[in-house]
Protein backbone atom coordinates (compact mmCIF):
# COMPACT_ATOMS: atom_id res chain seq x y z
CA MET A 1 49.73 8.60 88.68
CA SER A 2 49.17 11.63 89.70
CA ASP A 3 51.11 13.83 93.00
CA MET A 4 47.03 14.71 94.02
CA THR A 5 45.55 10.75 93.43
CA LEU A 6 48.09 9.87 95.45
CA LEU A 7 46.96 12.50 98.20
CA GLN A 8 43.42 11.87 97.38
CA LEU A 9 44.70 8.37 98.84
CA VAL A 10 46.64 9.57 101.83
CA ARG A 11 44.03 11.73 102.93
CA GLY A 12 41.52 9.23 102.51
CA MET A 13 43.36 6.35 104.82
CA ASP A 14 43.97 9.60 107.71
CA LEU A 15 48.06 8.70 107.70
CA SER A 16 51.01 11.15 109.14
CA VAL A 17 52.83 10.25 106.12
CA THR A 18 53.89 12.57 102.72
CA VAL A 19 52.86 12.28 99.00
CA HIS A 20 56.62 12.90 98.39
CA GLY A 21 57.74 10.97 101.25
CA PHE A 22 56.06 8.37 99.82
CA ARG A 23 58.12 9.06 96.30
CA SER A 24 61.86 9.37 98.43
CA SER A 25 60.86 6.08 99.61
CA PHE A 26 60.27 4.49 95.82
CA ARG A 27 63.68 6.32 95.30
CA ASP A 28 65.89 5.73 97.60
CA TRP A 29 64.06 2.28 96.71
CA VAL A 30 65.83 1.81 93.16
CA ALA A 31 69.05 3.43 93.72
CA ASP A 32 69.96 0.85 96.94
CA LYS A 33 68.05 -2.29 95.80
CA THR A 34 68.15 -2.85 92.43
CA ALA A 35 69.81 -3.25 89.93
CA TYR A 36 67.85 -0.55 87.64
CA PRO A 37 69.16 2.30 85.54
CA ARG A 38 68.96 6.31 86.72
CA GLU A 39 67.24 7.18 83.95
CA VAL A 40 64.61 4.00 84.14
CA ALA A 41 63.91 5.33 87.65
CA GLU A 42 63.68 9.24 86.52
CA ALA A 43 61.17 7.87 84.28
CA ALA A 44 58.59 6.19 86.46
CA LEU A 45 58.40 9.96 88.45
CA SER A 46 58.19 12.05 85.40
CA HIS A 47 60.98 13.56 85.28
CA THR A 48 61.93 15.70 83.00
CA LEU A 49 65.09 16.03 81.68
CA GLU A 50 67.23 19.59 82.42
CA ASN A 51 69.95 19.05 79.78
CA LYS A 52 67.65 19.76 76.69
CA VAL A 53 70.69 18.02 74.33
CA GLU A 54 70.35 15.57 76.02
CA ALA A 55 66.30 15.54 76.48
CA ALA A 56 66.73 16.59 72.54
CA TYR A 57 68.56 12.92 72.20
CA ARG A 58 66.06 10.66 73.85
CA ARG A 59 63.13 8.95 72.60
CA THR A 60 62.16 6.17 74.44
CA ASP A 61 59.94 5.68 77.34
CA PHE A 62 61.59 3.26 79.37
CA PHE A 63 57.68 1.40 78.84
CA GLU A 64 58.59 -2.00 79.78
CA LYS A 65 61.85 -0.84 81.57
CA ARG A 66 59.19 1.14 84.10
CA ARG A 67 56.20 -1.75 84.03
CA ALA A 68 58.88 -4.27 85.45
CA LEU A 69 60.24 -1.29 87.83
CA MET A 70 57.17 -0.63 89.22
CA GLN A 71 56.17 -4.86 89.73
CA ASP A 72 58.91 -5.44 91.27
CA TRP A 73 57.97 -2.02 93.49
CA ALA A 74 54.73 -3.80 93.93
CA ASP A 75 56.30 -6.92 95.27
CA TYR A 76 58.61 -5.41 97.12
CA CYS A 77 55.37 -3.46 99.31
CA SER A 78 53.46 -6.59 99.43
CA PRO A 79 55.66 -8.85 100.11
CA PRO A 80 53.52 -12.69 98.91
CA GLY A 81 51.44 -14.19 102.33
CA HIS A 82 50.48 -10.01 103.09
C-alpha cells in the first residue's frame, strides 16, 4: 500500500495521525515483537538497499515471508473478538 493510499485513508477518517507514524509503528512491532528478519520488514516497507553490491545479489522479494508478516500484523492490529 502506498503512502498516498494511507494518507487518503487517514484523511478520510479524520484522525490526528501520520502515515509515517503507521509505518514506524509497524517497523517497531516487527523488531520488538516478532522474529522476522530485518530484511523482510524493510522489504515490506518497500525500502531499497543502499549497498549496491548487496542489492545486485538480492534476487528475492521475500513474497511468502512478507505475506506471513502482513497476516501477523493484521492479526495484531485486529485481535479476535474486536
